[in-house]
Amino acid sequence: MPLMIHIQCQVMELELQKLFETANSIQEEMYYLREREEEMQDLNKSTNTKMAWLSLLSLFVCLSVAGLQIWHLKTFFEKKKLI
């Protein structure tokens, strides 16, 4: 009988060790995922900032080109004496 109890204790000990290793693995994975999430959030913020600046630059270029076109058309029509 004591041999049977000893074997059962060893089996339970092995199961507990496996559960402990699984729990540690899950915990390490969660820490890794949290770190990756923080990295991705930083990357997302950086990308959004760059896109905002690029949008403003694009708007400035479009308005500048429109202004140059208006100026060019005005001088063209003044030379042709249509205005």
PDB file of N, CA and C in Angstrom:
ATOM      1  N   MET A   1       0.807  -1.203   0.000  1.00  0.00           N
ATOM      2  CA  MET A   1       0.000   0.000   0.000  1.00  0.00           C
ATOM      3  C   MET A   1       0.855   1.275   0.000  1.00  0.00           C
ATOM      4  N   PRO A   2       1.906   1.367   0.840  1.00  0.00           N
ATOM      5  CA  PRO A   2       2.723   2.572   0.822  1.00  0.00           C
ATOM      6  C   PRO A   2       3.394   2.794  -0.534  1.00  0.00           C
ATOM      7  N   LEU A   3       3.714   1.697  -1.242  1.00  0.00           N
ATOM      8  CA  LEU A   3       4.317   1.838  -2.561  1.00  0.00           C
ATOM      9  C   LEU A   3       3.338   2.494  -3.522  1.00  0.00           C
ATOM     10  N   MET A   4       2.084   2.107  -3.437  1.00  0.00           N
ATOM     11  CA  MET A   4       1.036   2.673  -4.299  1.00  0.00           C
ATOM     12  C   MET A   4       0.860   4.167  -4.017  1.00  0.00           C
ATOM     13  N   ILE A   5       0.871   4.534  -2.752  1.00  0.00           N
ATOM     14  CA  ILE A   5       0.731   5.941  -2.369  1.00  0.00           C
ATOM     15  C   ILE A   5       1.940   6.732  -2.862  1.00  0.00           C
ATOM     16  N   HIS A   6       3.125   6.130  -2.756  1.00  0.00           N
ATOM     17  CA  HIS A   6       4.346   6.791  -3.219  1.00  0.00           C
ATOM     18  C   HIS A   6       4.281   7.042  -4.730  1.00  0.00           C
ATOM     19  N   ILE A   7       3.816   6.052  -5.484  1.00  0.00           N
ATOM     20  CA  ILE A   7       3.691   6.200  -6.937  1.00  0.00           C
ATOM     21  C   ILE A   7       2.673   7.283  -7.274  1.00  0.00           C
ATOM     22  N   GLN A   8       1.554   7.287  -6.554  1.00  0.00           N
ATOM     23  CA  GLN A   8       0.529   8.310  -6.792  1.00  0.00           C
ATOM     24  C   GLN A   8       1.080   9.706  -6.487  1.00  0.00           C
ATOM     25  N   CYS A   9       1.877   9.805  -5.440  1.00  0.00           N
ATOM     26  CA  CYS A   9       2.479  11.100  -5.095  1.00  0.00           C
ATOM     27  C   CYS A   9       3.447  11.550  -6.184  1.00  0.00           C
ATOM     28  N   GLN A  10       4.217  10.608  -6.729  1.00  0.00           N
ATOM     29  CA  GLN A  10       5.142  10.953  -7.807  1.00  0.00           C
ATOM     30  C   GLN A  10       4.385  11.420  -9.050  1.00  0.00           C
ATOM     31  N   VAL A  11       3.285  10.719  -9.360  1.00  0.00           N
ATOM     32  CA  VAL A  11       2.479  11.106 -10.519  1.00  0.00           C
ATOM     33  C   VAL A  11       1.904  12.503 -10.310  1.00  0.00           C
ATOM     34  N   MET A  12       1.387  12.759  -9.111  1.00  0.00           N
ATOM     35  CA  MET A  12       0.834  14.085  -8.815  1.00  0.00           C
ATOM     36  C   MET A  12       1.925  15.147  -8.857  1.00  0.00           C
ATOM     37  N   GLU A  13       3.108  14.789  -8.379  1.00  0.00           N
ATOM     38  CA  GLU A  13       4.217  15.737  -8.404  1.00  0.00           C
ATOM     39  C   GLU A  13       4.599  16.082  -9.847  1.00  0.00           C
ATOM     40  N   LEU A  14       4.634  15.078 -10.712  1.00  0.00           N
ATOM     41  CA  LEU A  14       4.928  15.324 -12.121  1.00  0.00           C
ATOM     42  C   LEU A  14       3.855  16.196 -12.766  1.00  0.00           C
ATOM     43  N   GLU A  15       2.600  15.927 -12.456  1.00  0.00           N
ATOM     44  CA  GLU A  15       1.501  16.728 -13.000  1.00  0.00           C
ATOM     45  C   GLU A  15       1.595  18.175 -12.523  1.00  0.00           C
ATOM     46  N   LEU A  16       1.904  18.346 -11.231  1.00  0.00           N
ATOM     47  CA  LEU A  16       2.061  19.696 -10.691  1.00  0.00           C
ATOM     48  C   LEU A  16       3.240  20.412 -11.347  1.00  0.00           C
ATOM     49  N   GLN A  17       4.320  19.693 -11.599  1.00  0.00           N
ATOM     50  CA  GLN A  17       5.478  20.290 -12.263  1.00  0.00           C
ATOM     51  C   GLN A  17       5.105  20.735 -13.673  1.00  0.00           C
ATOM     52  N   LYS A  18       4.350  19.899 -14.393  1.00  0.00           N
ATOM     53  CA  LYS A  18       3.904  20.262 -15.741  1.00  0.00           C
ATOM     54  C   LYS A  18       3.006  21.492 -15.698  1.00  0.00           C
ATOM     55  N   LEU A  19       2.088  21.532 -14.727  1.00  0.00           N
ATOM     56  CA  LEU A  19       1.201  22.688 -14.588  1.00  0.00           C
ATOM     57  C   LEU A  19       1.994  23.948 -14.264  1.00  0.00           C
ATOM     58  N   PHE A  20       2.986  23.812 -13.401  1.00  0.00           N
ATOM     59  CA  PHE A  20       3.821  24.954 -13.041  1.00  0.00           C
ATOM     60  C   PHE A  20       4.580  25.469 -14.265  1.00  0.00           C
ATOM     61  N   GLU A  21       5.150  24.550 -15.051  1.00  0.00           N
ATOM     62  CA  GLU A  21       5.868  24.949 -16.260  1.00  0.00           C
ATOM     63  C   GLU A  21       4.927  25.603 -17.270  1.00  0.00           C
ATOM     64  N   THR A  22       3.716  25.064 -17.387  1.00  0.00           N
ATOM     65  CA  THR A  22       2.734  25.649 -18.299  1.00  0.00           C
ATOM     66  C   THR A  22       2.351  27.053 -17.848  1.00  0.00           C
ATOM     67  N   ALA A  23       2.132  27.214 -16.545  1.00  0.00           N
ATOM     68  CA  ALA A  23       1.780  28.535 -16.013  1.00  0.00           C
ATOM     69  C   ALA A  23       2.923  29.526 -16.239  1.00  0.00           C
ATOM     70  N   ASN A  24       4.155  29.092 -16.026  1.00  0.00           N
ATOM     71  CA  ASN A  24       5.311  29.968 -16.275  1.00  0.00           C
ATOM     72  C   ASN A  24       5.410  30.335 -17.749  1.00  0.00           C
ATOM     73  N   SER A  25       5.167  29.360 -18.605  1.00  0.00           N
ATOM     74  CA  SER A  25       5.216  29.623 -20.042  1.00  0.00           C
ATOM     75  C   SER A  25       4.152  30.644 -20.442  1.00  0.00           C
ATOM     76  N   ILE A  26       2.964  30.501 -19.906  1.00  0.00           N
ATOM     77  CA  ILE A  26       1.878  31.447 -20.199  1.00  0.00           C
ATOM     78  C   ILE A  26       2.235  32.837 -19.689  1.00  0.00           C
ATOM     79  N   GLN A  27       2.810  32.904 -18.495  1.00  0.00           N
ATOM     80  CA  GLN A  27       3.194  34.193 -17.924  1.00  0.00           C
ATOM     81  C   GLN A  27       4.274  34.868 -18.776  1.00  0.00           C
ATOM     82  N   GLU A  28       5.275  34.100 -19.203  1.00  0.00           N
ATOM     83  CA  GLU A  28       6.325  34.662 -20.060  1.00  0.00           C
ATOM     84  C   GLU A  28       5.748  35.140 -21.385  1.00  0.00           C
ATOM     85  N   GLU A  29       4.813  34.375 -21.942  1.00  0.00           N
ATOM     86  CA  GLU A  29       4.174  34.769 -23.197  1.00  0.00           C
ATOM     87  C   GLU A  29       3.384  36.067 -23.020  1.00  0.00           C
ATOM     88  N   MET A  30       2.708  36.212 -21.890  1.00  0.00           N
ATOM     89  CA  MET A  30       1.947  37.434 -21.621  1.00  0.00           C
ATOM     90  C   MET A  30       2.879  38.640 -21.502  1.00  0.00           C
ATOM     91  N   TYR A  31       4.007  38.484 -20.813  1.00  0.00           N
ATOM     92  CA  TYR A  31       4.973  39.582 -20.723  1.00  0.00           C
ATOM     93  C   TYR A  31       5.482  39.956 -22.107  1.00  0.00           C
ATOM     94  N   TYR A  32       5.787  38.951 -22.913  1.00  0.00           N
ATOM     95  CA  TYR A  32       6.261  39.195 -24.277  1.00  0.00           C
ATOM     96  C   TYR A  32       5.203  39.936 -25.090  1.00  0.00           C
ATOM     97  N   LEU A  33       3.951  39.485 -24.984  1.00  0.00           N
ATOM     98  CA  LEU A  33       2.875  40.130 -25.738  1.00  0.00           C
ATOM     99  C   LEU A  33       2.653  41.569 -25.282  1.00  0.00           C
ATOM    100  N   ARG A  34       2.789  41.823 -23.988  1.00  0.00           N
ATOM    101  CA  ARG A  34       2.650  43.201 -23.492  1.00  0.00           C
ATOM    102  C   ARG A  34       3.759  44.091 -24.041  1.00  0.00           C
ATOM    103  N   GLU A  35       4.977  43.573 -24.062  1.00  0.00           N
ATOM    104  CA  GLU A  35       6.091  44.345 -24.623  1.00  0.00           C
ATOM    105  C   GLU A  35       5.857  44.636 -26.099  1.00  0.00           C
ATOM    106  N   ARG A  36       5.412  43.628 -26.841  1.00  0.00           N
ATOM    107  CA  ARG A  36       5.134  43.824 -28.268  1.00  0.00           C
ATOM    108  C   ARG A  36       4.004  44.827 -28.472  1.00  0.00           C
ATOM    109  N   GLU A  37       2.993  44.767 -27.602  1.00  0.00           N
ATOM    110  CA  GLU A  37       1.881  45.717 -27.709  1.00  0.00           C
ATOM    111  C   GLU A  37       2.381  47.148 -27.513  1.00  0.00           C
ATOM    112  N   GLU A  38       3.238  47.352 -26.517  1.00  0.00           N
ATOM    113  CA  GLU A  38       3.798  48.686 -26.287  1.00  0.00           C
ATOM    114  C   GLU A  38       4.616  49.150 -27.489  1.00  0.00           C
ATOM    115  N   GLU A  39       5.412  48.240 -28.052  1.00  0.00           N
ATOM    116  CA  GLU A  39       6.204  48.595 -29.235  1.00  0.00           C
ATOM    117  C   GLU A  39       5.292  48.979 -30.397  1.00  0.00           C
ATOM    118  N   MET A  40       4.230  48.214 -30.588  1.00  0.00           N
ATOM    119  CA  MET A  40       3.307  48.489 -31.695  1.00  0.00           C
ATOM    120  C   MET A  40       2.551  49.798 -31.469  1.00  0.00           C
ATOM    121  N   GLN A  41       2.205  50.099 -30.218  1.00  0.00           N
ATOM    122  CA  GLN A  41       1.538  51.369 -29.930  1.00  0.00           C
ATOM    123  C   GLN A  41       2.471  52.537 -30.240  1.00  0.00           C
ATOM    124  N   ASP A  42       3.739  52.413 -29.848  1.00  0.00           N
ATOM    125  CA  ASP A  42       4.712  53.470 -30.155  1.00  0.00           C
ATOM    126  C   ASP A  42       4.879  53.637 -31.661  1.00  0.00           C
ATOM    127  N   LEU A  43       4.966  52.515 -32.363  1.00  0.00           N
ATOM    128  CA  LEU A  43       5.099  52.563 -33.817  1.00  0.00           C
ATOM    129  C   LEU A  43       3.867  53.200 -34.452  1.00  0.00           C
ATOM    130  N   ASN A  44       2.690  52.856 -33.933  1.00  0.00           N
ATOM    131  CA  ASN A  44       1.436  53.415 -34.448  1.00  0.00           C
ATOM    132  C   ASN A  44       1.380  54.927 -34.235  1.00  0.00           C
ATOM    133  N   LYS A  45       1.765  55.380 -33.039  1.00  0.00           N
ATOM    134  CA  LYS A  45       1.781  56.819 -32.765  1.00  0.00           C
ATOM    135  C   LYS A  45       2.760  57.539 -33.685  1.00  0.00           C
ATOM    136  N   SER A  46       3.930  56.951 -33.855  1.00  0.00           N
ATOM    137  CA  SER A  46       4.945  57.551 -34.726  1.00  0.00           C
ATOM    138  C   SER A  46       4.446  57.638 -36.166  1.00  0.00           C
ATOM    139  N   THR A  47       3.828  56.572 -36.641  1.00  0.00           N
ATOM    140  CA  THR A  47       3.314  56.557 -38.010  1.00  0.00           C
ATOM    141  C   THR A  47       2.199  57.575 -38.181  1.00  0.00           C
ATOM    142  N   ASN A  48       1.311  57.668 -37.202  1.00  0.00           N
ATOM    143  CA  ASN A  48       0.221  58.649 -37.282  1.00  0.00           C
ATOM    144  C   ASN A  48       0.758  60.076 -37.318  1.00  0.00           C
ATOM    145  N   THR A  49       1.783  60.345 -36.524  1.00  0.00           N
ATOM    146  CA  THR A  49       2.393  61.677 -36.525  1.00  0.00           C
ATOM    147  C   THR A  49       3.011  61.992 -37.886  1.00  0.00           C
ATOM    148  N   LYS A  50       3.730  61.025 -38.434  1.00  0.00           N
ATOM    149  CA  LYS A  50       4.347  61.233 -39.749  1.00  0.00           C
ATOM    150  C   LYS A  50       3.284  61.449 -40.820  1.00  0.00           C
ATOM    151  N   MET A  51       2.191  60.703 -40.745  1.00  0.00           N
ATOM    152  CA  MET A  51       1.118  60.856 -41.733  1.00  0.00           C
ATOM    153  C   MET A  51       0.451  62.226 -41.609  1.00  0.00           C
ATOM    154  N   ALA A  52       0.307  62.725 -40.389  1.00  0.00           N
ATOM    155  CA  ALA A  52      -0.285  64.052 -40.200  1.00  0.00           C
ATOM    156  C   ALA A  52       0.609  65.117 -40.840  1.00  0.00           C
ATOM    157  N   TRP A  53       1.916  65.034 -40.607  1.00  0.00           N
ATOM    158  CA  TRP A  53       2.836  66.002 -41.204  1.00  0.00           C
ATOM    159  C   TRP A  53       2.852  65.886 -42.725  1.00  0.00           C
ATOM    160  N   LEU A  54       2.805  64.660 -43.220  1.00  0.00           N
ATOM    161  CA  LEU A  54       2.783  64.463 -44.667  1.00  0.00           C
ATOM    162  C   LEU A  54       1.505  65.041 -45.274  1.00  0.00           C
ATOM    163  N   SER A  55       0.384  64.897 -44.574  1.00  0.00           N
ATOM    164  CA  SER A  55      -0.873  65.472 -45.053  1.00  0.00           C
ATOM    165  C   SER A  55      -0.794  66.994 -45.108  1.00  0.00           C
ATOM    166  N   LEU A  56      -0.216  67.594 -44.077  1.00  0.00           N
ATOM    167  CA  LEU A  56      -0.059  69.049 -44.076  1.00  0.00           C
ATOM    168  C   LEU A  56       0.874  69.507 -45.196  1.00  0.00           C
ATOM    169  N   LEU A  57       1.953  68.776 -45.402  1.00  0.00           N
ATOM    170  CA  LEU A  57       2.869  69.106 -46.492  1.00  0.00           C
ATOM    171  C   LEU A  57       2.163  68.990 -47.841  1.00  0.00           C
ATOM    172  N   SER A  58       1.375  67.935 -48.007  1.00  0.00           N
ATOM    173  CA  SER A  58       0.633  67.740 -49.251  1.00  0.00           C
ATOM    174  C   SER A  58      -0.365  68.878 -49.478  1.00  0.00           C
ATOM    175  N   LEU A  59      -1.049  69.291 -48.415  1.00  0.00           N
ATOM    176  CA  LEU A  59      -1.993  70.405 -48.520  1.00  0.00           C
ATOM    177  C   LEU A  59      -1.260  71.684 -48.927  1.00  0.00           C
ATOM    178  N   PHE A  60      -0.116  71.948 -48.306  1.00  0.00           N
ATOM    179  CA  PHE A  60       0.674  73.132 -48.636  1.00  0.00           C
ATOM    180  C   PHE A  60       1.116  73.111 -50.099  1.00  0.00           C
ATOM    181  N   VAL A  61       1.573  71.962 -50.573  1.00  0.00           N
ATOM    182  CA  VAL A  61       2.010  71.851 -51.969  1.00  0.00           C
ATOM    183  C   VAL A  61       0.838  72.089 -52.909  1.00  0.00           C
ATOM    184  N   CYS A  62      -0.319  71.495 -52.614  1.00  0.00           N
ATOM    185  CA  CYS A  62      -1.499  71.681 -53.476  1.00  0.00           C
ATOM    186  C   CYS A  62      -1.931  73.144 -53.514  1.00  0.00           C
ATOM    187  N   LEU A  63      -1.958  73.801 -52.359  1.00  0.00           N
ATOM    188  CA  LEU A  63      -2.343  75.210 -52.320  1.00  0.00           C
ATOM    189  C   LEU A  63      -1.316  76.075 -53.047  1.00  0.00           C
ATOM    190  N   SER A  64      -0.042  75.734 -52.912  1.00  0.00           N
ATOM    191  CA  SER A  64       1.001  76.488 -53.621  1.00  0.00           C
ATOM    192  C   SER A  64       0.847  76.342 -55.130  1.00  0.00           C
ATOM    193  N   VAL A  65       0.605  75.135 -55.595  1.00  0.00           N
ATOM    194  CA  VAL A  65       0.428  74.910 -57.033  1.00  0.00           C
ATOM    195  C   VAL A  65      -0.808  75.646 -57.529  1.00  0.00           C
ATOM    196  N   ALA A  66      -1.890  75.614 -56.748  1.00  0.00           N
ATOM    197  CA  ALA A  66      -3.103  76.340 -57.143  1.00  0.00           C
ATOM    198  C   ALA A  66      -2.823  77.838 -57.231  1.00  0.00           C
ATOM    199  N   GLY A  67      -2.089  78.377 -56.255  1.00  0.00           N
ATOM    200  CA  GLY A  67      -1.733  79.798 -56.284  1.00  0.00           C
ATOM    201  C   GLY A  67      -0.887  80.144 -57.493  1.00  0.00           C
ATOM    202  N   LEU A  68       0.081  79.297 -57.811  1.00  0.00           N
ATOM    203  CA  LEU A  68       0.922  79.536 -58.990  1.00  0.00           C
ATOM    204  C   LEU A  68       0.103  79.463 -60.279  1.00  0.00           C
ATOM    205  N   GLN A  69      -0.844  78.551 -60.341  1.00  0.00           N
ATOM    206  CA  GLN A  69      -1.689  78.453 -61.533  1.00  0.00           C
ATOM    207  C   GLN A  69      -2.551  79.705 -61.697  1.00  0.00           C
ATOM    208  N   ILE A  70      -3.110  80.185 -60.595  1.00  0.00           N
ATOM    209  CA  ILE A  70      -3.919  81.410 -60.657  1.00  0.00           C
ATOM    210  C   ILE A  70      -3.053  82.587 -61.105  1.00  0.00           C
ATOM    211  N   TRP A  71      -1.865  82.704 -60.519  1.00  0.00           N
ATOM    212  CA  TRP A  71      -0.954  83.792 -60.899  1.00  0.00           C
ATOM    213  C   TRP A  71      -0.582  83.699 -62.375  1.00  0.00           C
ATOM    214  N   HIS A  72      -0.271  82.488 -62.848  1.00  0.00           N
ATOM    215  CA  HIS A  72       0.105  82.291 -64.247  1.00  0.00           C
ATOM    216  C   HIS A  72      -1.058  82.640 -65.175  1.00  0.00           C
ATOM    217  N   LEU A  73      -2.264  82.180 -64.853  1.00  0.00           N
ATOM    218  CA  LEU A  73      -3.426  82.498 -65.689  1.00  0.00           C
ATOM    219  C   LEU A  73      -3.701  84.001 -65.707  1.00  0.00           C
ATOM    220  N   LYS A  74      -3.558  84.644 -64.557  1.00  0.00           N
ATOM    221  CA  LYS A  74      -3.799  86.087 -64.482  1.00  0.00           C
ATOM    222  C   LYS A  74      -2.818  86.837 -65.372  1.00  0.00           C
ATOM    223  N   THR A  75      -1.522  86.492 -65.258  1.00  0.00           N
ATOM    224  CA  THR A  75      -0.531  87.181 -66.099  1.00  0.00           C
ATOM    225  C   THR A  75      -0.735  86.852 -67.575  1.00  0.00           C
ATOM    226  N   PHE A  76      -1.142  85.643 -67.886  1.00  0.00           N
ATOM    227  CA  PHE A  76      -1.394  85.260 -69.273  1.00  0.00           C
ATOM    228  C   PHE A  76      -2.526  86.094 -69.861  1.00  0.00           C
ATOM    229  N   PHE A  77      -3.634  86.191 -69.112  1.00  0.00           N
ATOM    230  CA  PHE A  77      -4.775  86.952 -69.619  1.00  0.00           C
ATOM    231  C   PHE A  77      -4.478  88.459 -69.671  1.00  0.00           C
ATOM    232  N   GLU A  78      -3.651  88.943 -68.743  1.00  0.00           N
ATOM    233  CA  GLU A  78      -3.263  90.357 -68.794  1.00  0.00           C
ATOM    234  C   GLU A  78      -2.410  90.638 -70.033  1.00  0.00           C
ATOM    235  N   LYS A  79      -1.530  89.722 -70.387  1.00  0.00           N
ATOM    236  CA  LYS A  79      -0.708  89.896 -71.587  1.00  0.00           C
ATOM    237  C   LYS A  79      -1.562  89.848 -72.850  1.00  0.00           C
ATOM    238  N   LYS A  80      -2.585  89.018 -72.842  1.00  0.00           N
ATOM    239  CA  LYS A  80      -3.480  88.920 -73.997  1.00  0.00           C
ATOM    240  C   LYS A  80      -4.531  90.029 -73.995  1.00  0.00           C
ATOM    241  N   LYS A  81      -4.492  90.834 -72.943  1.00  0.00           N
ATOM    242  CA  LYS A  81      -5.409  91.967 -72.768  1.00  0.00           C
ATOM    243  C   LYS A  81      -6.870  91.524 -72.748  1.00  0.00           C
ATOM    244  N   LEU A  82      -7.093  90.353 -72.092  1.00  0.00           N
ATOM    245  CA  LEU A  82      -8.465  89.885 -71.908  1.00  0.00           C
ATOM    246  C   LEU A  82      -9.017  90.330 -70.558  1.00  0.00           C
ATOM    247  N   ILE A  83      -8.123  90.765 -69.677  1.00  0.00           N
ATOM    248  CA  ILE A  83      -8.571  91.258 -68.373  1.00  0.00           C
ATOM    249  C   ILE A  83      -8.305  92.749 -68.308  1.00  0.00           C
TER     250      ILE A  83
END
